[in-house]
């Protein structure tokens, strides 16, 4: 063998090693270890420079919403031929972003041919900041098909997402794909437009408004502001159903503000907060259908808590609907046993669990002395430390000191069950931030 042939052979071997290494890297990168699901098919490969370069930081959730059911009126066509522009509010900022789309309640494949992300030009606005508009890809493709019952996480894209800001996530599907998987009672107006207006910077085409979030269930960021995610699992009170629309006055929003302001001081962890509240949610019972509308807390724990990005702790505020929505008197032991099972599963994943006492509902149409007795029995177990790792006493903080069966008047939205904005703020104020930090015990 000549020296020239020897050099050529070495070069060929080196090229083969590089190719194999690249293939291994791509395979590993497709599974980032965060629990994100990529149950979808993709084509139309994007240009090579569309992928975000590696950056320093930690992947955390900055916003999320639980898929709660199928949107009425979308059974046949879904959003075919329309651009859906979801407006969501971030907790922490980051230098890269990725989204999760769900077709959990769809009966047909969801074909997304164009998706984008951008920072909103102003709060509660469908217009985008020009230099933040990015086209999203899925496994390197600009299009993706999400099968019925599945979800898909996008590739990471380099874009600076500010903390405490509105972000626009837009998708376009040209074909029928109903019904739409959605989250009602968003307390945030989102938008839709005819045709593919996915990368429109202006809001001109977005004439349709909706109080729902459609398809979008999570926004993650690569952040140097947070090292983990706190998930709030609850019902309409956590969902913030009576808070001011577009103002981000849910108790979880205020808790996130407090954590940001105090992070790193006095043992306060640097965590983001994401909201997994569903109006009407119960610990045990759930709605009709397969999959069930409004799945129980026990049913959705894996999906909505354990499946979220880099979760460190969970706050559970569930149980009041188990009391109010059952025709017969529910046994308080049944409720607390269900809550303990949720805690056991969270502990198995190493998560710390903070639990809330159930607030009073005197004056509400569902109130009765027997139901209030069940609520107080559940609270007694919670306060005794027999359910959670730590307790936030929402009941004590918001009840009327002169009539503890009711919410204090200025904390009451008026329906005698859900708090006012001031009430939601009070809920976050009584939270001991240090309770979110620490390892889960082996046993309660």
Protein backbone atom coordinates (compact mmCIF):
# COMPACT_ATOMS: atom_id res chain seq x y z
CA UNK A 1 0.00 0.00 0.00
CA UNK A 2 1.36 3.42 -0.96
CA UNK A 3 1.55 6.28 1.54
CA UNK A 4 -1.13 8.14 -0.47
CA UNK A 5 -3.46 5.13 -0.31
CA UNK A 6 -2.79 4.85 3.44
CA UNK A 7 -3.82 8.49 3.97
CA UNK A 8 -6.96 7.93 1.92
CA UNK A 9 -7.90 4.88 4.02
CA UNK A 10 -7.38 6.82 7.27
CA UNK A 11 -9.53 9.67 5.94
CA UNK A 12 -12.30 7.26 5.05
CA UNK A 13 -12.19 5.64 8.49
CA UNK A 14 -12.31 9.08 10.16
CA UNK A 15 -15.31 10.12 8.05
CA UNK A 16 -17.12 6.93 9.03
CA UNK A 17 -16.47 7.61 12.75
CA UNK A 18 -17.82 11.17 12.42
CA UNK A 19 -20.95 9.91 10.66
CA UNK A 20 -21.63 7.26 13.30
CA UNK A 21 -21.06 9.78 16.10
CA UNK A 22 -23.46 12.20 14.46
CA UNK A 23 -26.13 9.51 14.19
CA UNK A 24 -25.71 8.62 17.86
CA UNK A 25 -26.01 12.29 18.84
CA UNK A 26 -29.20 12.72 16.82
CA UNK A 27 -30.72 9.62 18.44
CA UNK A 28 -29.89 10.84 21.94
CA UNK A 29 -31.08 14.39 21.22
CA UNK A 30 -34.50 13.08 20.17
CA UNK A 31 -35.05 11.95 23.77
CA UNK A 32 -34.15 14.80 26.11
CA UNK A 33 -35.13 12.92 29.24
CA UNK A 34 -37.81 15.38 30.33
CA UNK A 35 -40.81 13.18 29.70
CA UNK A 36 -41.88 15.03 26.54
CA UNK A 37 -43.80 12.90 24.06
CA UNK A 38 -43.13 12.82 20.33
CA UNK A 39 -45.99 10.60 19.16
CA UNK A 40 -46.26 12.01 15.66
CA UNK A 41 -45.05 11.73 12.10
CA UNK A 42 -43.23 14.50 10.26
CA UNK A 43 -41.94 15.43 6.81
CA UNK A 44 -40.76 18.51 4.83
CA UNK A 45 -37.38 18.80 6.50
CA UNK A 46 -36.41 22.28 7.58
CA UNK A 47 -33.12 23.96 6.67
CA UNK A 48 -30.21 22.84 8.83
CA UNK A 49 -29.80 26.25 10.50
CA UNK A 50 -33.36 26.19 11.86
CA UNK A 51 -32.31 24.14 14.89
CA UNK A 52 -31.31 26.04 18.01
CA UNK A 53 -27.65 25.77 19.04
CA UNK A 54 -26.84 24.42 22.48
CA UNK A 55 -27.12 26.95 25.32
CA UNK A 56 -26.52 26.90 29.07
CA UNK A 57 -29.45 26.68 31.45
CA UNK A 58 -32.13 24.33 32.75
CA UNK A 59 -35.30 23.27 30.96
CA UNK A 60 -38.33 24.24 33.06
CA UNK A 61 -42.01 24.88 32.51
CA UNK A 62 -42.91 28.55 32.17
CA UNK A 63 -46.61 27.99 31.32
CA UNK A 64 -48.99 25.06 30.99
CA UNK A 65 -52.69 24.20 30.84
CA UNK A 66 -54.37 20.83 31.20
CA UNK A 67 -56.30 19.43 28.23
CA UNK A 68 -59.79 19.23 29.68
CA UNK A 69 -62.06 18.01 26.89
CA UNK A 70 -63.30 18.36 23.32
CA UNK A 71 -64.38 21.85 22.27
CA UNK A 72 -68.12 21.90 21.42
CA UNK A 73 -68.91 22.66 17.79
CA UNK A 74 -65.55 21.44 16.45
CA UNK A 75 -66.44 17.76 16.05
CA UNK A 76 -66.39 17.69 12.24
CA UNK A 77 -63.80 20.17 11.01
CA UNK A 78 -61.74 21.18 14.03
CA UNK A 79 -60.00 24.40 12.98
CA UNK A 80 -59.42 23.44 9.34
CA UNK A 81 -58.27 26.38 7.23
CA UNK A 82 -57.71 28.68 10.21
CA UNK A 83 -54.71 29.87 12.16
CA UNK A 84 -55.02 29.47 15.93
CA UNK A 85 -53.00 32.03 17.91
CA UNK A 86 -52.86 31.14 21.62
CA UNK A 87 -51.83 33.90 24.02
CA UNK A 88 -50.06 32.59 27.13
CA UNK A 89 -48.24 34.31 29.98
CA UNK A 90 -44.77 33.27 31.07
CA UNK A 91 -43.46 32.85 34.58
CA UNK A 92 -39.69 32.69 34.00
CA UNK A 93 -37.69 33.68 30.93
CA UNK A 94 -35.21 31.77 28.81
CA UNK A 95 -33.04 31.72 25.72
CA UNK A 96 -34.72 28.79 23.98
CA UNK A 97 -38.29 27.54 23.88
CA UNK A 98 -40.33 24.51 22.91
CA UNK A 99 -44.05 23.71 23.01
CA UNK A 100 -46.31 20.71 23.48
CA UNK A 101 -49.41 20.23 21.32
CA UNK A 102 -52.19 17.79 22.23
CA UNK A 103 -54.73 15.93 20.12
CA UNK A 104 -55.91 13.94 23.15
CA UNK A 105 -59.61 14.42 22.43
CA UNK A 106 -59.34 14.38 18.64
CA UNK A 107 -61.03 11.63 16.64
CA UNK A 108 -58.91 12.35 13.58
CA UNK A 109 -55.21 13.05 13.01
CA UNK A 110 -54.24 16.67 13.54
CA UNK A 111 -52.18 17.87 10.58
CA UNK A 112 -50.10 20.94 11.44
CA UNK A 113 -48.36 22.38 8.38
CA UNK A 114 -47.08 25.58 9.97
CA UNK A 115 -46.37 26.59 13.58
CA UNK A 116 -44.64 29.60 15.11
CA UNK A 117 -43.73 31.27 18.38
CA UNK A 118 -43.20 34.95 19.11
CA UNK A 119 -43.25 37.42 21.96
CA UNK A 120 -46.43 39.51 21.98
CA UNK A 121 -46.01 43.20 21.15
CA UNK A 122 -48.21 44.11 24.14
CA UNK A 123 -50.24 42.36 26.80
CA UNK A 124 -53.45 40.75 25.57
CA UNK A 125 -52.57 41.47 21.94
CA UNK A 126 -52.28 39.22 18.88
CA UNK A 127 -49.49 41.32 17.33
CA UNK A 128 -45.89 40.05 17.60
CA UNK A 129 -42.50 41.64 18.18
CA UNK A 130 -40.89 41.31 14.76
CA UNK A 131 -37.45 40.03 15.69
CA UNK A 132 -38.87 37.30 17.94
CA UNK A 133 -40.97 35.48 15.32
CA UNK A 134 -39.67 31.92 14.87
CA UNK A 135 -40.96 29.00 12.82
CA UNK A 136 -41.26 25.84 14.91
CA UNK A 137 -40.12 22.39 13.80
CA UNK A 138 -40.89 18.88 14.97
CA UNK A 139 -38.04 16.37 14.72
CA UNK A 140 -36.52 18.72 12.16
CA UNK A 141 -39.68 19.09 10.07
CA UNK A 142 -41.87 22.13 9.55
CA UNK A 143 -44.98 19.92 9.43
CA UNK A 144 -46.28 17.28 11.80
CA UNK A 145 -49.21 14.89 12.13
CA UNK A 146 -50.42 14.28 15.66
CA UNK A 147 -52.49 11.08 15.84
CA UNK A 148 -55.81 11.06 17.69
CA UNK A 149 -55.13 10.64 21.40
CA UNK A 150 -51.49 11.68 21.16
CA UNK A 151 -49.32 14.72 21.82
CA UNK A 152 -46.10 16.12 20.34
CA UNK A 153 -43.26 18.24 21.66
CA UNK A 154 -41.58 20.63 19.24
CA UNK A 155 -37.87 21.02 18.73
CA UNK A 156 -36.17 23.72 20.75
CA UNK A 157 -35.87 27.05 18.98
CA UNK A 158 -33.52 29.87 19.91
CA UNK A 159 -35.57 32.90 20.95
CA UNK A 160 -35.32 35.12 24.01
CA UNK A 161 -38.51 34.73 26.04
CA UNK A 162 -38.84 37.41 28.75
CA UNK A 163 -40.24 36.50 32.16
CA UNK A 164 -43.70 37.79 33.09
CA UNK A 165 -44.65 38.44 29.47
CA UNK A 166 -47.22 37.31 26.89
CA UNK A 167 -46.14 34.84 24.21
CA UNK A 168 -47.97 33.94 20.98
CA UNK A 169 -48.02 30.32 19.83
CA UNK A 170 -49.70 29.90 16.46
CA UNK A 171 -50.63 26.76 14.52
CA UNK A 172 -52.24 26.19 11.13
CA UNK A 173 -54.04 23.05 10.01
CA UNK A 174 -55.47 22.90 6.46
CA UNK A 175 -57.53 19.73 6.93
CA UNK A 176 -60.42 18.61 9.19
CA UNK A 177 -59.16 17.30 12.51
CA UNK A 178 -61.96 17.59 15.05
CA UNK A 179 -62.84 17.76 17.74
CA UNK A 180 -60.36 20.29 19.11
CA UNK A 181 -58.56 19.43 22.35
CA UNK A 182 -58.97 22.53 24.49
CA UNK A 183 -58.76 24.14 27.91
CA UNK A 184 -61.86 26.22 28.70
CA UNK A 185 -61.97 29.07 31.24
CA UNK A 186 -58.51 30.28 30.28
CA UNK A 187 -59.12 33.78 31.74
CA UNK A 188 -57.14 34.90 28.71
CA UNK A 189 -58.35 35.88 25.24
CA UNK A 190 -56.71 34.08 22.34
CA UNK A 191 -57.33 34.50 18.62
CA UNK A 192 -57.95 32.84 15.25
CA UNK A 193 -57.68 33.96 11.62
CA UNK A 194 -58.83 32.61 8.27
CA UNK A 195 -56.04 31.07 6.20
CA UNK A 196 -52.41 30.52 7.03
CA UNK A 197 -51.44 33.66 8.94
CA UNK A 198 -49.02 31.82 11.21
CA UNK A 199 -46.13 34.25 10.83
CA UNK A 200 -48.18 37.45 10.59
CA UNK A 201 -46.63 40.13 12.78
CA UNK A 202 -49.77 42.25 12.92
CA UNK A 203 -53.08 41.37 14.52
CA UNK A 204 -55.13 42.56 11.53
CA UNK A 205 -56.23 39.10 10.36
CA UNK A 206 -56.96 37.82 13.86
CA UNK A 207 -60.56 38.97 14.12
CA UNK A 208 -61.92 35.92 15.94
CA UNK A 209 -61.55 35.88 19.73
CA UNK A 210 -61.86 32.85 22.01
CA UNK A 211 -61.76 32.38 25.80
CA UNK A 212 -60.11 28.96 25.33
CA UNK A 213 -56.62 27.61 24.76
CA UNK A 214 -56.60 25.19 21.83
CA UNK A 215 -54.13 22.32 21.25
CA UNK A 216 -51.35 24.01 23.23
CA UNK A 217 -50.68 22.44 26.65
CA UNK A 218 -47.15 23.52 27.61
CA UNK A 219 -44.42 26.06 26.97
CA UNK A 220 -40.95 25.21 28.26
CA UNK A 221 -37.88 27.44 28.27
CA UNK A 222 -34.17 26.88 28.71
CA UNK A 223 -33.68 29.20 31.66
CA UNK A 224 -30.98 30.49 33.97
CA UNK A 225 -33.71 31.95 36.25
CA UNK A 226 -35.03 28.62 37.54
CA UNK A 227 -33.73 25.16 38.41
CA UNK A 228 -37.07 23.37 38.54
CA UNK A 229 -40.84 23.49 38.16
CA UNK A 230 -43.65 23.57 40.72
CA UNK A 231 -46.95 22.17 39.45
CA UNK A 232 -50.23 23.39 40.97
CA UNK A 233 -52.87 20.67 40.58
CA UNK A 234 -56.40 21.78 41.35
CA UNK A 235 -59.92 22.65 40.32
CA UNK A 236 -61.60 25.93 39.28
CA UNK A 237 -60.05 27.75 42.23
CA UNK A 238 -56.57 26.92 40.92
CA UNK A 239 -57.78 27.58 37.37
CA UNK A 240 -58.67 31.11 38.57
CA UNK A 241 -62.14 30.98 37.10
CA UNK A 242 -63.36 34.22 38.76
CA UNK A 243 -60.11 36.19 38.44
CA UNK A 244 -59.99 39.24 36.16
CA UNK A 245 -59.61 38.16 32.55
CA UNK A 246 -56.24 38.95 31.02
CA UNK A 247 -54.79 40.24 34.30
CA UNK A 248 -52.99 37.08 35.51
CA UNK A 249 -54.46 37.31 39.00
CA UNK A 250 -54.79 33.58 39.70
CA UNK A 251 -53.23 32.54 43.00
CA UNK A 252 -50.58 30.62 41.04
CA UNK A 253 -49.59 33.83 39.21
CA UNK A 254 -49.10 35.67 42.49
CA UNK A 255 -47.17 32.71 43.94
CA UNK A 256 -44.88 32.79 40.90
CA UNK A 257 -44.28 36.51 41.45
CA UNK A 258 -43.37 35.88 45.09
CA UNK A 259 -40.99 33.06 44.20
CA UNK A 260 -39.24 35.20 41.57
CA UNK A 261 -38.83 38.11 43.99
CA UNK A 262 -37.47 35.96 46.84
CA UNK A 263 -35.55 33.30 44.90
CA UNK A 264 -32.25 32.36 46.46
CA UNK A 265 -32.89 34.13 49.77
CA UNK A 266 -33.85 32.54 53.07
CA UNK A 267 -33.98 29.05 51.63
CA UNK A 268 -36.48 29.98 48.89
CA UNK A 269 -35.95 27.76 45.85
CA UNK A 270 -35.53 29.11 42.31
CA UNK A 271 -38.60 27.43 40.87
CA UNK A 272 -41.10 28.33 38.18
CA UNK A 273 -44.82 27.66 38.68
CA UNK A 274 -47.20 26.10 36.15
CA UNK A 275 -50.97 25.81 36.54
CA UNK A 276 -52.75 22.48 36.02
CA UNK A 277 -56.18 23.48 37.30
CA UNK A 278 -59.37 22.23 35.63
CA UNK A 279 -62.74 23.69 36.54
CA UNK A 280 -64.94 21.13 38.27
CA UNK A 281 -62.08 18.71 38.89
CA UNK A 282 -62.39 16.04 41.56
CA UNK A 283 -59.96 13.74 43.30
CA UNK A 284 -61.91 10.59 42.41
CA UNK A 285 -64.71 11.06 39.88
CA UNK A 286 -64.41 12.19 36.27
CA UNK A 287 -66.50 13.02 33.25
CA UNK A 288 -67.86 10.81 30.49
CA UNK A 289 -66.12 9.66 27.34
CA UNK A 290 -62.93 7.84 26.39
CA UNK A 291 -60.70 9.58 27.15
CA UNK A 292 -62.77 11.08 29.93
CA UNK A 293 -63.62 14.77 29.89
CA UNK A 294 -62.29 16.43 33.03
CA UNK A 295 -60.30 13.39 34.21
CA UNK A 296 -59.96 12.90 37.96
CA UNK A 297 -56.93 14.12 39.85
CA UNK A 298 -55.82 10.53 40.33
CA UNK A 299 -56.23 9.81 36.63
CA UNK A 300 -54.38 12.86 35.36
CA UNK A 301 -51.55 12.97 37.92
CA UNK A 302 -49.17 11.12 35.61
CA UNK A 303 -49.93 13.35 32.63
CA UNK A 304 -50.32 16.75 34.28
CA UNK A 305 -47.76 16.55 37.08
CA UNK A 306 -45.29 13.72 36.68
CA UNK A 307 -45.07 14.31 32.93
CA UNK A 308 -44.24 18.01 33.17
CA UNK A 309 -40.69 19.28 32.65
CA UNK A 310 -38.19 19.06 35.51
CA UNK A 311 -40.81 18.94 38.28
CA UNK A 312 -39.49 19.40 41.82
CA UNK A 313 -42.70 19.88 43.83
CA UNK A 314 -46.47 19.74 43.50
CA UNK A 315 -49.17 21.76 45.26
CA UNK A 316 -52.54 19.98 45.49
CA UNK A 317 -55.79 21.86 46.09
CA UNK A 318 -58.52 19.32 45.38
CA UNK A 319 -61.50 17.86 47.21
CA UNK A 320 -64.20 20.50 47.37
CA UNK A 321 -65.91 19.24 44.19
CA UNK A 322 -65.93 15.69 45.54
CA UNK A 323 -68.04 17.12 48.38
CA UNK A 324 -70.26 19.46 46.33
CA UNK A 325 -70.92 17.32 43.24
CA UNK A 326 -71.98 14.06 44.85
CA UNK A 327 -75.70 13.64 45.47
CA UNK A 328 -75.16 11.61 48.60
CA UNK A 329 -72.87 12.63 51.42
CA UNK A 330 -69.30 11.68 50.51
CA UNK A 331 -67.21 9.97 53.17
CA UNK A 332 -64.28 12.24 54.17
CA UNK A 333 -62.06 9.15 54.45
CA UNK A 334 -62.67 8.43 50.78
CA UNK A 335 -61.42 11.90 49.86
CA UNK A 336 -58.34 11.80 52.10
CA UNK A 337 -57.46 8.28 50.94
CA UNK A 338 -57.55 9.52 47.35
CA UNK A 339 -55.31 12.45 48.24
CA UNK A 340 -52.87 10.13 50.04
CA UNK A 341 -52.67 7.93 46.95
CA UNK A 342 -51.73 10.98 44.87
CA UNK A 343 -49.06 11.86 47.42
CA UNK A 344 -47.73 8.29 47.37
CA UNK A 345 -47.34 8.39 43.59
CA UNK A 346 -45.62 11.78 43.72
CA UNK A 347 -43.24 10.52 46.42
CA UNK A 348 -42.37 7.57 44.20
CA UNK A 349 -40.97 10.15 41.77
CA UNK A 350 -39.14 12.01 44.53
CA UNK A 351 -41.50 15.00 44.53
CA UNK A 352 -42.33 17.08 47.57
CA UNK A 353 -46.06 17.63 48.05
CA UNK A 354 -47.67 20.68 49.63
CA UNK A 355 -51.41 20.42 50.18
CA UNK A 356 -54.14 22.99 50.75
CA UNK A 357 -57.03 22.95 53.18
CA UNK A 358 -60.47 23.28 51.59
CA UNK A 359 -62.01 26.73 51.81
CA UNK A 360 -65.56 27.33 53.08
CA UNK A 361 -68.57 27.60 50.76
CA UNK A 362 -71.36 28.82 53.06
CA UNK A 363 -73.97 30.67 50.98
CA UNK A 364 -73.17 28.67 47.83
CA UNK A 365 -76.09 26.81 46.28
CA UNK A 366 -74.43 23.49 47.13
CA UNK A 367 -73.93 24.27 50.80
CA UNK A 368 -75.40 22.11 53.54
CA UNK A 369 -74.37 21.49 57.13
CA UNK A 370 -73.53 17.87 56.35
CA UNK A 371 -71.30 18.82 53.42
CA UNK A 372 -69.54 21.43 55.51
CA UNK A 373 -68.94 18.76 58.15
CA UNK A 374 -67.19 16.64 55.52
CA UNK A 375 -65.03 19.60 54.50
CA UNK A 376 -64.02 20.24 58.10
CA UNK A 377 -63.21 16.54 58.62
CA UNK A 378 -60.96 16.53 55.55
CA UNK A 379 -59.25 19.70 56.77
CA UNK A 380 -58.66 18.17 60.21
CA UNK A 381 -56.72 15.29 58.62
CA UNK A 382 -54.74 17.69 56.45
CA UNK A 383 -53.84 19.99 59.35
CA UNK A 384 -52.81 17.01 61.46
CA UNK A 385 -50.07 16.26 58.94
CA UNK A 386 -51.64 12.95 57.89
CA UNK A 387 -51.92 13.70 54.17
CA UNK A 388 -49.21 16.03 52.82
CA UNK A 389 -45.55 16.90 53.49
CA UNK A 390 -46.51 20.49 54.28
CA UNK A 391 -49.79 22.40 54.49
CA UNK A 392 -50.94 25.79 53.21
CA UNK A 393 -54.05 26.75 55.16
CA UNK A 394 -56.24 28.51 52.59
CA UNK A 395 -59.31 27.89 54.76
CA UNK A 396 -57.91 29.79 57.75
CA UNK A 397 -56.57 32.59 55.53
CA UNK A 398 -59.81 33.34 53.65
CA UNK A 399 -62.70 32.40 55.94
CA UNK A 400 -64.83 34.98 57.68
CA UNK A 401 -63.61 35.14 61.31
CA UNK A 402 -67.18 35.83 62.45
CA UNK A 403 -68.73 33.03 60.37
CA UNK A 404 -66.08 30.41 59.46
CA UNK A 405 -68.56 28.60 57.21
CA UNK A 406 -68.19 31.45 54.69
CA UNK A 407 -65.48 33.29 52.80
CA UNK A 408 -64.67 36.74 54.13
CA UNK A 409 -66.72 39.23 52.10
CA UNK A 410 -63.80 41.00 50.41
CA UNK A 411 -62.21 37.64 49.51
CA UNK A 412 -65.45 36.36 47.94
CA UNK A 413 -66.06 36.75 44.20
CA UNK A 414 -69.77 36.82 44.95
CA UNK A 415 -70.65 33.17 44.32
CA UNK A 416 -69.54 32.16 47.84
CA UNK A 417 -67.17 29.50 46.51
CA UNK A 418 -64.51 31.16 44.34
CA UNK A 419 -62.24 33.96 45.58
CA UNK A 420 -62.05 37.51 44.28
CA UNK A 421 -58.76 38.85 42.93
CA UNK A 422 -57.99 39.97 46.48
CA UNK A 423 -58.80 36.50 47.73
CA UNK A 424 -56.48 34.86 45.18
CA UNK A 425 -53.73 37.25 46.21
CA UNK A 426 -54.28 36.33 49.85
CA UNK A 427 -53.94 32.62 49.03
CA UNK A 428 -50.48 33.20 47.58
CA UNK A 429 -49.46 35.51 50.41
CA UNK A 430 -49.94 32.85 53.13
CA UNK A 431 -47.83 30.31 51.24
CA UNK A 432 -44.57 29.44 53.04
CA UNK A 433 -42.18 29.49 50.08
CA UNK A 434 -39.58 27.37 51.84
CA UNK A 435 -42.12 24.51 52.08
CA UNK A 436 -41.60 23.85 48.38
CA UNK A 437 -37.99 22.87 48.89
CA UNK A 438 -36.71 19.56 50.18
CA UNK A 439 -36.75 15.88 49.40
CA UNK A 440 -39.86 13.76 49.64
CA UNK A 441 -39.92 11.48 52.70
CA UNK A 442 -39.82 7.74 52.23
CA UNK A 443 -43.18 7.47 54.00
CA UNK A 444 -45.70 9.83 55.52
